[in-house]
Amino acid sequence: MAKGKQLGEFSQKFTSLTLTPGPAGSIVTQGNCEGTATGFGTVLATGTFVGGKSGTFSYCATAHLDNGEELSGTGSGTYESTGKHHWRTQGLVHISDGRTVVSEGEIDLAARSWTGKIFENH
């Protein structure tokens, strides 16, 4: 996935986590989060992670823009452990207005936070 110019940043806080058995003995971690993203206002989202120290994830969100409009976004990507209680994420998000953006983030499992940057998709 080729990224272009940085469009902004995001900051999410996980409000709940659900863990269930996954395929081939893996664990599925589903996290509901809320926060903000540059140009998207308040964002409510669910990330679903399949694997262990690395794997794949899917993402589903609604953005509540400052002007009162709403956008939705769905996407997928990969994650990998970068140290104690930290995961690096990289994915594509398809936005309901027709754009697709690249997201790169860091999840701090102990702090239950997901922060990162948003880029143009090339």
PDB file of N, CA and C in Angstrom:
ATOM      1  N   MET A   1       0.851  -1.160   0.000  1.00  0.00           N
ATOM      2  CA  MET A   1       0.000   0.000   0.000  1.00  0.00           C
ATOM      3  C   MET A   1       0.897   1.223   0.000  1.00  0.00           C
ATOM      4  N   ALA A   2       0.693   2.062  -0.986  1.00  0.00           N
ATOM      5  CA  ALA A   2       1.532   3.254  -1.147  1.00  0.00           C
ATOM      6  C   ALA A   2       0.839   4.449  -0.516  1.00  0.00           C
ATOM      7  N   LYS A   3       1.549   5.124   0.347  1.00  0.00           N
ATOM      8  CA  LYS A   3       0.942   6.285   0.999  1.00  0.00           C
ATOM      9  C   LYS A   3       1.498   7.566   0.405  1.00  0.00           C
ATOM     10  N   GLY A   4       0.666   8.580   0.441  1.00  0.00           N
ATOM     11  CA  GLY A   4       1.037   9.892  -0.056  1.00  0.00           C
ATOM     12  C   GLY A   4       1.186  10.868   1.095  1.00  0.00           C
ATOM     13  N   LYS A   5       0.752  12.075   0.852  1.00  0.00           N
ATOM     14  CA  LYS A   5       0.850  13.173   1.813  1.00  0.00           C
ATOM     15  C   LYS A   5       0.049  12.869   3.081  1.00  0.00           C
ATOM     16  N   GLN A   6       0.617  13.267   4.226  1.00  0.00           N
ATOM     17  CA  GLN A   6      -0.101  13.092   5.493  1.00  0.00           C
ATOM     18  C   GLN A   6      -1.292  14.045   5.540  1.00  0.00           C
ATOM     19  N   LEU A   7      -2.469  13.503   5.867  1.00  0.00           N
ATOM     20  CA  LEU A   7      -3.699  14.275   5.960  1.00  0.00           C
ATOM     21  C   LEU A   7      -4.020  14.692   7.384  1.00  0.00           C
ATOM     22  N   GLY A   8      -3.526  13.947   8.351  1.00  0.00           N
ATOM     23  CA  GLY A   8      -3.843  14.272   9.735  1.00  0.00           C
ATOM     24  C   GLY A   8      -3.455  13.156  10.672  1.00  0.00           C
ATOM     25  N   GLU A   9      -4.057  13.202  11.850  1.00  0.00           N
ATOM     26  CA  GLU A   9      -3.772  12.240  12.912  1.00  0.00           C
ATOM     27  C   GLU A   9      -5.073  11.766  13.533  1.00  0.00           C
ATOM     28  N   PHE A  10      -4.986  10.639  14.241  1.00  0.00           N
ATOM     29  CA  PHE A  10      -6.144  10.151  14.981  1.00  0.00           C
ATOM     30  C   PHE A  10      -5.705   9.742  16.378  1.00  0.00           C
ATOM     31  N   SER A  11      -6.653   9.808  17.295  1.00  0.00           N
ATOM     32  CA  SER A  11      -6.423   9.414  18.681  1.00  0.00           C
ATOM     33  C   SER A  11      -7.701   8.766  19.196  1.00  0.00           C
ATOM     34  N   GLN A  12      -7.614   7.474  19.523  1.00  0.00           N
ATOM     35  CA  GLN A  12      -8.768   6.710  19.974  1.00  0.00           C
ATOM     36  C   GLN A  12      -8.487   6.107  21.353  1.00  0.00           C
ATOM     37  N   LYS A  13      -9.508   5.938  22.120  1.00  0.00           N
ATOM     38  CA  LYS A  13      -9.434   5.260  23.405  1.00  0.00           C
ATOM     39  C   LYS A  13     -10.393   4.079  23.359  1.00  0.00           C
ATOM     40  N   PHE A  14      -9.893   2.873  23.681  1.00  0.00           N
ATOM     41  CA  PHE A  14     -10.763   1.700  23.717  1.00  0.00           C
ATOM     42  C   PHE A  14     -11.674   1.791  24.934  1.00  0.00           C
ATOM     43  N   THR A  15     -12.978   1.641  24.694  1.00  0.00           N
ATOM     44  CA  THR A  15     -13.954   1.704  25.780  1.00  0.00           C
ATOM     45  C   THR A  15     -14.364   0.312  26.243  1.00  0.00           C
ATOM     46  N   SER A  16     -14.146  -0.700  25.397  1.00  0.00           N
ATOM     47  CA  SER A  16     -14.410  -2.082  25.788  1.00  0.00           C
ATOM     48  C   SER A  16     -13.629  -3.011  24.873  1.00  0.00           C
ATOM     49  N   LEU A  17     -13.298  -4.181  25.401  1.00  0.00           N
ATOM     50  CA  LEU A  17     -12.609  -5.216  24.642  1.00  0.00           C
ATOM     51  C   LEU A  17     -13.322  -6.539  24.866  1.00  0.00           C
ATOM     52  N   THR A  18     -13.497  -7.310  23.794  1.00  0.00           N
ATOM     53  CA  THR A  18     -14.095  -8.638  23.873  1.00  0.00           C
ATOM     54  C   THR A  18     -13.144  -9.605  23.197  1.00  0.00           C
ATOM     55  N   LEU A  19     -12.815 -10.702  23.882  1.00  0.00           N
ATOM     56  CA  LEU A  19     -11.927 -11.715  23.329  1.00  0.00           C
ATOM     57  C   LEU A  19     -12.694 -13.018  23.162  1.00  0.00           C
ATOM     58  N   THR A  20     -12.549 -13.627  21.981  1.00  0.00           N
ATOM     59  CA  THR A  20     -13.220 -14.890  21.686  1.00  0.00           C
ATOM     60  C   THR A  20     -12.249 -15.807  20.951  1.00  0.00           C
ATOM     61  N   PRO A  21     -12.503 -17.120  20.973  1.00  0.00           N
ATOM     62  CA  PRO A  21     -11.653 -18.033  20.215  1.00  0.00           C
ATOM     63  C   PRO A  21     -11.764 -17.750  18.721  1.00  0.00           C
ATOM     64  N   GLY A  22     -10.625 -17.838  18.041  1.00  0.00           N
ATOM     65  CA  GLY A  22     -10.600 -17.602  16.606  1.00  0.00           C
ATOM     66  C   GLY A  22     -10.149 -18.821  15.838  1.00  0.00           C
ATOM     67  N   PRO A  23      -9.885 -18.654  14.553  1.00  0.00           N
ATOM     68  CA  PRO A  23      -9.470 -19.774  13.714  1.00  0.00           C
ATOM     69  C   PRO A  23      -8.086 -20.307  14.093  1.00  0.00           C
ATOM     70  N   ALA A  24      -7.898 -21.603  13.952  1.00  0.00           N
ATOM     71  CA  ALA A  24      -6.597 -22.263  14.151  1.00  0.00           C
ATOM     72  C   ALA A  24      -5.984 -21.959  15.520  1.00  0.00           C
ATOM     73  N   GLY A  25      -6.822 -21.888  16.543  1.00  0.00           N
ATOM     74  CA  GLY A  25      -6.319 -21.660  17.891  1.00  0.00           C
ATOM     75  C   GLY A  25      -5.963 -20.219  18.208  1.00  0.00           C
ATOM     76  N   SER A  26      -6.289 -19.281  17.320  1.00  0.00           N
ATOM     77  CA  SER A  26      -5.981 -17.871  17.559  1.00  0.00           C
ATOM     78  C   SER A  26      -7.040 -17.252  18.478  1.00  0.00           C
ATOM     79  N   ILE A  27      -6.805 -16.018  18.819  1.00  0.00           N
ATOM     80  CA  ILE A  27      -7.748 -15.243  19.622  1.00  0.00           C
ATOM     81  C   ILE A  27      -8.248 -14.083  18.769  1.00  0.00           C
ATOM     82  N   VAL A  28      -9.546 -13.829  18.808  1.00  0.00           N
ATOM     83  CA  VAL A  28     -10.127 -12.661  18.158  1.00  0.00           C
ATOM     84  C   VAL A  28     -10.354 -11.610  19.234  1.00  0.00           C
ATOM     85  N   THR A  29      -9.733 -10.442  19.060  1.00  0.00           N
ATOM     86  CA  THR A  29      -9.901  -9.327  19.987  1.00  0.00           C
ATOM     87  C   THR A  29     -10.708  -8.255  19.278  1.00  0.00           C
ATOM     88  N   GLN A  30     -11.855  -7.923  19.849  1.00  0.00           N
ATOM     89  CA  GLN A  30     -12.707  -6.891  19.276  1.00  0.00           C
ATOM     90  C   GLN A  30     -12.730  -5.715  20.235  1.00  0.00           C
ATOM     91  N   GLY A  31     -12.325  -4.540  19.740  1.00  0.00           N
ATOM     92  CA  GLY A  31     -12.266  -3.361  20.584  1.00  0.00           C
ATOM     93  C   GLY A  31     -13.147  -2.245  20.073  1.00  0.00           C
ATOM     94  N   ASN A  32     -14.022  -1.745  20.931  1.00  0.00           N
ATOM     95  CA  ASN A  32     -14.813  -0.557  20.618  1.00  0.00           C
ATOM     96  C   ASN A  32     -14.040   0.651  21.106  1.00  0.00           C
ATOM     97  N   CYS A  33     -13.963   1.681  20.249  1.00  0.00           N
ATOM     98  CA  CYS A  33     -13.185   2.855  20.641  1.00  0.00           C
ATOM     99  C   CYS A  33     -13.881   4.136  20.201  1.00  0.00           C
ATOM    100  N   GLU A  34     -13.446   5.217  20.819  1.00  0.00           N
ATOM    101  CA  GLU A  34     -13.967   6.536  20.473  1.00  0.00           C
ATOM    102  C   GLU A  34     -12.837   7.533  20.592  1.00  0.00           C
ATOM    103  N   GLY A  35     -12.931   8.581  19.784  1.00  0.00           N
ATOM    104  CA  GLY A  35     -11.894   9.603  19.812  1.00  0.00           C
ATOM    105  C   GLY A  35     -12.108  10.609  18.707  1.00  0.00           C
ATOM    106  N   THR A  36     -10.994  11.134  18.188  1.00  0.00           N
ATOM    107  CA  THR A  36     -11.058  12.149  17.146  1.00  0.00           C
ATOM    108  C   THR A  36     -10.062  11.823  16.041  1.00  0.00           C
ATOM    109  N   ALA A  37     -10.312  12.410  14.884  1.00  0.00           N
ATOM    110  CA  ALA A  37      -9.398  12.303  13.751  1.00  0.00           C
ATOM    111  C   ALA A  37      -9.463  13.603  12.968  1.00  0.00           C
ATOM    112  N   THR A  38      -8.318  14.082  12.534  1.00  0.00           N
ATOM    113  CA  THR A  38      -8.247  15.320  11.773  1.00  0.00           C
ATOM    114  C   THR A  38      -9.172  15.253  10.562  1.00  0.00           C
ATOM    115  N   GLY A  39     -10.064  16.231  10.444  1.00  0.00           N
ATOM    116  CA  GLY A  39     -10.985  16.296   9.321  1.00  0.00           C
ATOM    117  C   GLY A  39     -12.212  15.414   9.457  1.00  0.00           C
ATOM    118  N   PHE A  40     -12.276  14.630  10.527  1.00  0.00           N
ATOM    119  CA  PHE A  40     -13.397  13.712  10.710  1.00  0.00           C
ATOM    120  C   PHE A  40     -14.161  13.955  11.999  1.00  0.00           C
ATOM    121  N   GLY A  41     -13.722  14.864  12.840  1.00  0.00           N
ATOM    122  CA  GLY A  41     -14.420  15.152  14.084  1.00  0.00           C
ATOM    123  C   GLY A  41     -14.365  13.989  15.052  1.00  0.00           C
ATOM    124  N   THR A  42     -15.508  13.697  15.664  1.00  0.00           N
ATOM    125  CA  THR A  42     -15.608  12.597  16.625  1.00  0.00           C
ATOM    126  C   THR A  42     -15.806  11.293  15.864  1.00  0.00           C
ATOM    127  N   VAL A  43     -15.007  10.289  16.225  1.00  0.00           N
ATOM    128  CA  VAL A  43     -15.064   9.001  15.535  1.00  0.00           C
ATOM    129  C   VAL A  43     -15.393   7.904  16.541  1.00  0.00           C
ATOM    130  N   LEU A  44     -16.401   7.090  16.204  1.00  0.00           N
ATOM    131  CA  LEU A  44     -16.762   5.897  16.970  1.00  0.00           C
ATOM    132  C   LEU A  44     -16.434   4.704  16.093  1.00  0.00           C
ATOM    133  N   ALA A  45     -15.721   3.715  16.630  1.00  0.00           N
ATOM    134  CA  ALA A  45     -15.239   2.636  15.766  1.00  0.00           C
ATOM    135  C   ALA A  45     -15.135   1.314  16.510  1.00  0.00           C
ATOM    136  N   THR A  46     -15.052   0.245  15.725  1.00  0.00           N
ATOM    137  CA  THR A  46     -14.761  -1.089  16.231  1.00  0.00           C
ATOM    138  C   THR A  46     -13.633  -1.669  15.388  1.00  0.00           C
ATOM    139  N   GLY A  47     -12.595  -2.133  16.056  1.00  0.00           N
ATOM    140  CA  GLY A  47     -11.507  -2.840  15.397  1.00  0.00           C
ATOM    141  C   GLY A  47     -11.552  -4.298  15.821  1.00  0.00           C
ATOM    142  N   THR A  48     -11.427  -5.202  14.857  1.00  0.00           N
ATOM    143  CA  THR A  48     -11.449  -6.634  15.140  1.00  0.00           C
ATOM    144  C   THR A  48     -10.120  -7.226  14.690  1.00  0.00           C
ATOM    145  N   PHE A  49      -9.368  -7.792  15.643  1.00  0.00           N
ATOM    146  CA  PHE A  49      -8.003  -8.264  15.413  1.00  0.00           C
ATOM    147  C   PHE A  49      -7.969  -9.782  15.547  1.00  0.00           C
ATOM    148  N   VAL A  50      -7.419 -10.460  14.544  1.00  0.00           N
ATOM    149  CA  VAL A  50      -7.337 -11.911  14.544  1.00  0.00           C
ATOM    150  C   VAL A  50      -5.865 -12.304  14.523  1.00  0.00           C
ATOM    151  N   GLY A  51      -5.459 -13.068  15.515  1.00  0.00           N
ATOM    152  CA  GLY A  51      -4.071 -13.521  15.568  1.00  0.00           C
ATOM    153  C   GLY A  51      -3.584 -13.574  16.996  1.00  0.00           C
ATOM    154  N   GLY A  52      -2.363 -13.218  17.178  1.00  0.00           N
ATOM    155  CA  GLY A  52      -1.745 -13.177  18.498  1.00  0.00           C
ATOM    156  C   GLY A  52      -0.846 -11.963  18.545  1.00  0.00           C
ATOM    157  N   LYS A  53       0.461 -12.196  18.429  1.00  0.00           N
ATOM    158  CA  LYS A  53       1.396 -11.072  18.397  1.00  0.00           C
ATOM    159  C   LYS A  53       1.400 -10.364  17.046  1.00  0.00           C
ATOM    160  N   SER A  54       0.809 -10.995  16.039  1.00  0.00           N
ATOM    161  CA  SER A  54       0.642 -10.363  14.734  1.00  0.00           C
ATOM    162  C   SER A  54      -0.556 -11.003  14.063  1.00  0.00           C
ATOM    163  N   GLY A  55      -1.087 -10.313  13.076  1.00  0.00           N
ATOM    164  CA  GLY A  55      -2.232 -10.853  12.372  1.00  0.00           C
ATOM    165  C   GLY A  55      -2.896  -9.807  11.513  1.00  0.00           C
ATOM    166  N   THR A  56      -4.194  -9.988  11.297  1.00  0.00           N
ATOM    167  CA  THR A  56      -4.960  -9.069  10.466  1.00  0.00           C
ATOM    168  C   THR A  56      -6.036  -8.402  11.309  1.00  0.00           C
ATOM    169  N   PHE A  57      -6.529  -7.276  10.807  1.00  0.00           N
ATOM    170  CA  PHE A  57      -7.638  -6.619  11.497  1.00  0.00           C
ATOM    171  C   PHE A  57      -8.599  -6.027  10.485  1.00  0.00           C
ATOM    172  N   SER A  58      -9.833  -5.848  10.934  1.00  0.00           N
ATOM    173  CA  SER A  58     -10.831  -5.114  10.163  1.00  0.00           C
ATOM    174  C   SER A  58     -11.289  -3.939  11.018  1.00  0.00           C
ATOM    175  N   TYR A  59     -11.868  -2.948  10.360  1.00  0.00           N
ATOM    176  CA  TYR A  59     -12.200  -1.690  11.015  1.00  0.00           C
ATOM    177  C   TYR A  59     -13.536  -1.201  10.463  1.00  0.00           C
ATOM    178  N   CYS A  60     -14.389  -0.722  11.343  1.00  0.00           N
ATOM    179  CA  CYS A  60     -15.680  -0.165  10.946  1.00  0.00           C
ATOM    180  C   CYS A  60     -15.934   1.067  11.823  1.00  0.00           C
ATOM    181  N   ALA A  61     -16.262   2.213  11.194  1.00  0.00           N
ATOM    182  CA  ALA A  61     -16.377   3.451  11.967  1.00  0.00           C
ATOM    183  C   ALA A  61     -17.449   4.370  11.419  1.00  0.00           C
ATOM    184  N   THR A  62     -17.906   5.258  12.285  1.00  0.00           N
ATOM    185  CA  THR A  62     -18.705   6.405  11.869  1.00  0.00           C
ATOM    186  C   THR A  62     -18.000   7.647  12.370  1.00  0.00           C
ATOM    187  N   ALA A  63     -17.966   8.653  11.513  1.00  0.00           N
ATOM    188  CA  ALA A  63     -17.355   9.939  11.862  1.00  0.00           C
ATOM    189  C   ALA A  63     -18.457  10.983  11.935  1.00  0.00           C
ATOM    190  N   HIS A  64     -18.449  11.730  12.997  1.00  0.00           N
ATOM    191  CA  HIS A  64     -19.446  12.779  13.218  1.00  0.00           C
ATOM    192  C   HIS A  64     -18.726  14.115  13.053  1.00  0.00           C
ATOM    193  N   LEU A  65     -18.835  14.668  11.842  1.00  0.00           N
ATOM    194  CA  LEU A  65     -18.102  15.869  11.474  1.00  0.00           C
ATOM    195  C   LEU A  65     -18.597  17.089  12.242  1.00  0.00           C
ATOM    196  N   ASP A  66     -17.728  18.082  12.331  1.00  0.00           N
ATOM    197  CA  ASP A  66     -18.052  19.306  13.054  1.00  0.00           C
ATOM    198  C   ASP A  66     -19.261  20.030  12.458  1.00  0.00           C
ATOM    199  N   ASN A  67     -19.520  19.842  11.152  1.00  0.00           N
ATOM    200  CA  ASN A  67     -20.652  20.522  10.511  1.00  0.00           C
ATOM    201  C   ASN A  67     -21.974  19.770  10.668  1.00  0.00           C
ATOM    202  N   GLY A  68     -21.971  18.662  11.423  1.00  0.00           N
ATOM    203  CA  GLY A  68     -23.185  17.901  11.664  1.00  0.00           C
ATOM    204  C   GLY A  68     -23.383  16.729  10.713  1.00  0.00           C
ATOM    205  N   GLU A  69     -22.584  16.640   9.667  1.00  0.00           N
ATOM    206  CA  GLU A  69     -22.673  15.525   8.720  1.00  0.00           C
ATOM    207  C   GLU A  69     -22.039  14.269   9.320  1.00  0.00           C
ATOM    208  N   GLU A  70     -22.344  13.119   8.721  1.00  0.00           N
ATOM    209  CA  GLU A  70     -21.739  11.854   9.140  1.00  0.00           C
ATOM    210  C   GLU A  70     -21.114  11.161   7.945  1.00  0.00           C
ATOM    211  N   LEU A  71     -20.012  10.482   8.179  1.00  0.00           N
ATOM    212  CA  LEU A  71     -19.373   9.620   7.196  1.00  0.00           C
ATOM    213  C   LEU A  71     -19.178   8.254   7.845  1.00  0.00           C
ATOM    214  N   SER A  72     -19.133   7.218   7.022  1.00  0.00           N
ATOM    215  CA  SER A  72     -18.783   5.903   7.547  1.00  0.00           C
ATOM    216  C   SER A  72     -17.493   5.451   6.881  1.00  0.00           C
ATOM    217  N   GLY A  73     -16.834   4.510   7.513  1.00  0.00           N
ATOM    218  CA  GLY A  73     -15.601   3.987   6.952  1.00  0.00           C
ATOM    219  C   GLY A  73     -15.427   2.530   7.332  1.00  0.00           C
ATOM    220  N   THR A  74     -14.945   1.746   6.377  1.00  0.00           N
ATOM    221  CA  THR A  74     -14.610   0.352   6.642  1.00  0.00           C
ATOM    222  C   THR A  74     -13.230   0.089   6.063  1.00  0.00           C
ATOM    223  N   GLY A  75     -12.513  -0.821   6.695  1.00  0.00           N
ATOM    224  CA  GLY A  75     -11.190  -1.105   6.191  1.00  0.00           C
ATOM    225  C   GLY A  75     -10.606  -2.366   6.772  1.00  0.00           C
ATOM    226  N   SER A  76      -9.367  -2.622   6.385  1.00  0.00           N
ATOM    227  CA  SER A  76      -8.655  -3.790   6.879  1.00  0.00           C
ATOM    228  C   SER A  76      -7.167  -3.543   6.768  1.00  0.00           C
ATOM    229  N   GLY A  77      -6.415  -4.379   7.474  1.00  0.00           N
ATOM    230  CA  GLY A  77      -4.970  -4.225   7.448  1.00  0.00           C
ATOM    231  C   GLY A  77      -4.287  -5.293   8.263  1.00  0.00           C
ATOM    232  N   THR A  78      -3.065  -4.997   8.660  1.00  0.00           N
ATOM    233  CA  THR A  78      -2.257  -5.921   9.443  1.00  0.00           C
ATOM    234  C   THR A  78      -1.767  -5.243  10.710  1.00  0.00           C
ATOM    235  N   TYR A  79      -1.417  -6.068  11.687  1.00  0.00           N
ATOM    236  CA  TYR A  79      -0.808  -5.545  12.904  1.00  0.00           C
ATOM    237  C   TYR A  79       0.313  -6.485  13.319  1.00  0.00           C
ATOM    238  N   GLU A  80       1.253  -5.933  14.094  1.00  0.00           N
ATOM    239  CA  GLU A  80       2.351  -6.741  14.616  1.00  0.00           C
ATOM    240  C   GLU A  80       2.817  -6.169  15.939  1.00  0.00           C
ATOM    241  N   SER A  81       3.314  -7.036  16.800  1.00  0.00           N
ATOM    242  CA  SER A  81       3.841  -6.613  18.093  1.00  0.00           C
ATOM    243  C   SER A  81       5.121  -5.817  17.873  1.00  0.00           C
ATOM    244  N   THR A  82       5.244  -4.712  18.606  1.00  0.00           N
ATOM    245  CA  THR A  82       6.464  -3.902  18.542  1.00  0.00           C
ATOM    246  C   THR A  82       7.123  -3.798  19.912  1.00  0.00           C
ATOM    247  N   GLY A  83       6.728  -4.652  20.814  1.00  0.00           N
ATOM    248  CA  GLY A  83       7.273  -4.623  22.164  1.00  0.00           C
ATOM    249  C   GLY A  83       6.190  -4.922  23.173  1.00  0.00           C
ATOM    250  N   LYS A  84       6.534  -4.765  24.416  1.00  0.00           N
ATOM    251  CA  LYS A  84       5.620  -5.102  25.502  1.00  0.00           C
ATOM    252  C   LYS A  84       4.326  -4.293  25.402  1.00  0.00           C
ATOM    253  N   HIS A  85       3.215  -4.999  25.138  1.00  0.00           N
ATOM    254  CA  HIS A  85       1.869  -4.420  25.100  1.00  0.00           C
ATOM    255  C   HIS A  85       1.683  -3.366  24.007  1.00  0.00           C
ATOM    256  N   HIS A  86       2.457  -3.451  22.924  1.00  0.00           N
ATOM    257  CA  HIS A  86       2.312  -2.492  21.826  1.00  0.00           C
ATOM    258  C   HIS A  86       2.154  -3.223  20.498  1.00  0.00           C
ATOM    259  N   TRP A  87       1.205  -2.750  19.689  1.00  0.00           N
ATOM    260  CA  TRP A  87       0.999  -3.263  18.343  1.00  0.00           C
ATOM    261  C   TRP A  87       1.112  -2.108  17.360  1.00  0.00           C
ATOM    262  N   ARG A  88       1.771  -2.345  16.240  1.00  0.00           N
ATOM    263  CA  ARG A  88       1.796  -1.386  15.131  1.00  0.00           C
ATOM    264  C   ARG A  88       0.734  -1.829  14.129  1.00  0.00           C
ATOM    265  N   THR A  89      -0.059  -0.882  13.632  1.00  0.00           N
ATOM    266  CA  THR A  89      -1.106  -1.192  12.668  1.00  0.00           C
ATOM    267  C   THR A  89      -0.859  -0.448  11.356  1.00  0.00           C
ATOM    268  N   GLN A  90      -1.264  -1.069  10.272  1.00  0.00           N
ATOM    269  CA  GLN A  90      -1.243  -0.416   8.971  1.00  0.00           C
ATOM    270  C   GLN A  90      -2.421  -0.944   8.171  1.00  0.00           C
ATOM    271  N   GLY A  91      -3.221  -0.030   7.612  1.00  0.00           N
ATOM    272  CA  GLY A  91      -4.395  -0.476   6.885  1.00  0.00           C
ATOM    273  C   GLY A  91      -4.930   0.555   5.920  1.00  0.00           C
ATOM    274  N   LEU A  92      -5.917   0.137   5.166  1.00  0.00           N
ATOM    275  CA  LEU A  92      -6.659   1.005   4.251  1.00  0.00           C
ATOM    276  C   LEU A  92      -8.059   1.188   4.792  1.00  0.00           C
ATOM    277  N   VAL A  93      -8.571   2.424   4.721  1.00  0.00           N
ATOM    278  CA  VAL A  93      -9.943   2.705   5.148  1.00  0.00           C
ATOM    279  C   VAL A  93     -10.693   3.308   3.961  1.00  0.00           C
ATOM    280  N   HIS A  94     -11.803   2.680   3.592  1.00  0.00           N
ATOM    281  CA  HIS A  94     -12.655   3.153   2.508  1.00  0.00           C
ATOM    282  C   HIS A  94     -13.761   3.998   3.131  1.00  0.00           C
ATOM    283  N   ILE A  95     -13.803   5.266   2.744  1.00  0.00           N
ATOM    284  CA  ILE A  95     -14.731   6.227   3.340  1.00  0.00           C
ATOM    285  C   ILE A  95     -15.952   6.375   2.440  1.00  0.00           C
ATOM    286  N   SER A  96     -17.107   6.592   3.043  1.00  0.00           N
ATOM    287  CA  SER A  96     -18.365   6.644   2.302  1.00  0.00           C
ATOM    288  C   SER A  96     -18.428   7.787   1.290  1.00  0.00           C
ATOM    289  N   ASP A  97     -17.532   8.767   1.357  1.00  0.00           N
ATOM    290  CA  ASP A  97     -17.516   9.845   0.363  1.00  0.00           C
ATOM    291  C   ASP A  97     -16.674   9.494  -0.862  1.00  0.00           C
ATOM    292  N   GLY A  98     -16.180   8.247  -0.922  1.00  0.00           N
ATOM    293  CA  GLY A  98     -15.433   7.795  -2.086  1.00  0.00           C
ATOM    294  C   GLY A  98     -13.920   7.769  -1.914  1.00  0.00           C
ATOM    295  N   ARG A  99     -13.418   8.394  -0.877  1.00  0.00           N
ATOM    296  CA  ARG A  99     -11.970   8.386  -0.642  1.00  0.00           C
ATOM    297  C   ARG A  99     -11.525   7.092   0.011  1.00  0.00           C
ATOM    298  N   THR A 100     -10.260   6.753  -0.208  1.00  0.00           N
ATOM    299  CA  THR A 100      -9.602   5.678   0.514  1.00  0.00           C
ATOM    300  C   THR A 100      -8.334   6.275   1.108  1.00  0.00           C
ATOM    301  N   VAL A 101      -8.108   6.052   2.399  1.00  0.00           N
ATOM    302  CA  VAL A 101      -6.925   6.594   3.066  1.00  0.00           C
ATOM    303  C   VAL A 101      -6.111   5.455   3.673  1.00  0.00           C
ATOM    304  N   VAL A 102      -4.839   5.738   3.874  1.00  0.00           N
ATOM    305  CA  VAL A 102      -3.935   4.813   4.557  1.00  0.00           C
ATOM    306  C   VAL A 102      -3.836   5.258   6.003  1.00  0.00           C
ATOM    307  N   SER A 103      -3.921   4.311   6.916  1.00  0.00           N
ATOM    308  CA  SER A 103      -3.758   4.635   8.323  1.00  0.00           C
ATOM    309  C   SER A 103      -2.579   3.838   8.879  1.00  0.00           C
ATOM    310  N   GLU A 104      -1.744   4.524   9.639  1.00  0.00           N
ATOM    311  CA  GLU A 104      -0.637   3.883  10.348  1.00  0.00           C
ATOM    312  C   GLU A 104      -0.766   4.256  11.810  1.00  0.00           C
ATOM    313  N   GLY A 105      -0.770   3.253  12.677  1.00  0.00           N
ATOM    314  CA  GLY A 105      -1.000   3.554  14.077  1.00  0.00           C
ATOM    315  C   GLY A 105      -0.207   2.681  15.023  1.00  0.00           C
ATOM    316  N   GLU A 106      -0.385   2.995  16.290  1.00  0.00           N
ATOM    317  CA  GLU A 106       0.239   2.255  17.386  1.00  0.00           C
ATOM    318  C   GLU A 106      -0.821   2.048  18.448  1.00  0.00           C
ATOM    319  N   ILE A 107      -1.004   0.795  18.827  1.00  0.00           N
ATOM    320  CA  ILE A 107      -1.931   0.462  19.912  1.00  0.00           C
ATOM    321  C   ILE A 107      -1.108   0.187  21.158  1.00  0.00           C
ATOM    322  N   ASP A 108      -1.465   0.861  22.236  1.00  0.00           N
ATOM    323  CA  ASP A 108      -0.880   0.611  23.548  1.00  0.00           C
ATOM    324  C   ASP A 108      -1.936  -0.162  24.332  1.00  0.00           C
ATOM    325  N   LEU A 109      -1.742  -1.472  24.441  1.00  0.00           N
ATOM    326  CA  LEU A 109      -2.753  -2.314  25.080  1.00  0.00           C
ATOM    327  C   LEU A 109      -2.937  -1.982  26.551  1.00  0.00           C
ATOM    328  N   ALA A 110      -1.855  -1.664  27.256  1.00  0.00           N
ATOM    329  CA  ALA A 110      -1.962  -1.341  28.681  1.00  0.00           C
ATOM    330  C   ALA A 110      -2.757  -0.051  28.895  1.00  0.00           C
ATOM    331  N   ALA A 111      -2.534   0.948  28.035  1.00  0.00           N
ATOM    332  CA  ALA A 111      -3.247   2.231  28.149  1.00  0.00           C
ATOM    333  C   ALA A 111      -4.583   2.213  27.410  1.00  0.00           C
ATOM    334  N   ARG A 112      -4.832   1.146  26.618  1.00  0.00           N
ATOM    335  CA  ARG A 112      -6.032   1.012  25.798  1.00  0.00           C
ATOM    336  C   ARG A 112      -6.207   2.188  24.849  1.00  0.00           C
ATOM    337  N   SER A 113      -5.112   2.578  24.191  1.00  0.00           N
ATOM    338  CA  SER A 113      -5.163   3.685  23.241  1.00  0.00           C
ATOM    339  C   SER A 113      -4.702   3.230  21.864  1.00  0.00           C
ATOM    340  N   TRP A 114      -5.203   3.928  20.833  1.00  0.00           N
ATOM    341  CA  TRP A 114      -4.818   3.680  19.438  1.00  0.00           C
ATOM    342  C   TRP A 114      -4.620   5.048  18.813  1.00  0.00           C
ATOM    343  N   THR A 115      -3.385   5.387  18.520  1.00  0.00           N
ATOM    344  CA  THR A 115      -3.055   6.684  17.947  1.00  0.00           C
ATOM    345  C   THR A 115      -2.269   6.484  16.660  1.00  0.00           C
ATOM    346  N   GLY A 116      -2.315   7.478  15.791  1.00  0.00           N
ATOM    347  CA  GLY A 116      -1.546   7.342  14.559  1.00  0.00           C
ATOM    348  C   GLY A 116      -1.800   8.464  13.584  1.00  0.00           C
ATOM    349  N   LYS A 117      -1.433   8.174  12.325  1.00  0.00           N
ATOM    350  CA  LYS A 117      -1.494   9.171  11.252  1.00  0.00           C
ATOM    351  C   LYS A 117      -2.334   8.642  10.094  1.00  0.00           C
ATOM    352  N   ILE A 118      -2.901   9.589   9.350  1.00  0.00           N
ATOM    353  CA  ILE A 118      -3.728   9.295   8.193  1.00  0.00           C
ATOM    354  C   ILE A 118      -3.032   9.906   6.964  1.00  0.00           C
ATOM    355  N   PHE A 119      -2.957   9.116   5.873  1.00  0.00           N
ATOM    356  CA  PHE A 119      -2.271   9.553   4.663  1.00  0.00           C
ATOM    357  C   PHE A 119      -3.172   9.374   3.445  1.00  0.00           C
ATOM    358  N   GLU A 120      -2.864  10.136   2.388  1.00  0.00           N
ATOM    359  CA  GLU A 120      -3.488   9.889   1.091  1.00  0.00           C
ATOM    360  C   GLU A 120      -3.112   8.488   0.636  1.00  0.00           C
ATOM    361  N   ASN A 121      -3.989   7.850  -0.115  1.00  0.00           N
ATOM    362  CA  ASN A 121      -3.702   6.542  -0.694  1.00  0.00           C
ATOM    363  C   ASN A 121      -3.273   6.734  -2.134  1.00  0.00           C
ATOM    364  N   HIS A 122      -2.141   6.151  -2.490  1.00  0.00           N
ATOM    365  CA  HIS A 122      -1.663   6.231  -3.893  1.00  0.00           C
ATOM    366  C   HIS A 122      -1.612   4.875  -4.493  1.00  0.00           C
TER     367      HIS A 122
END
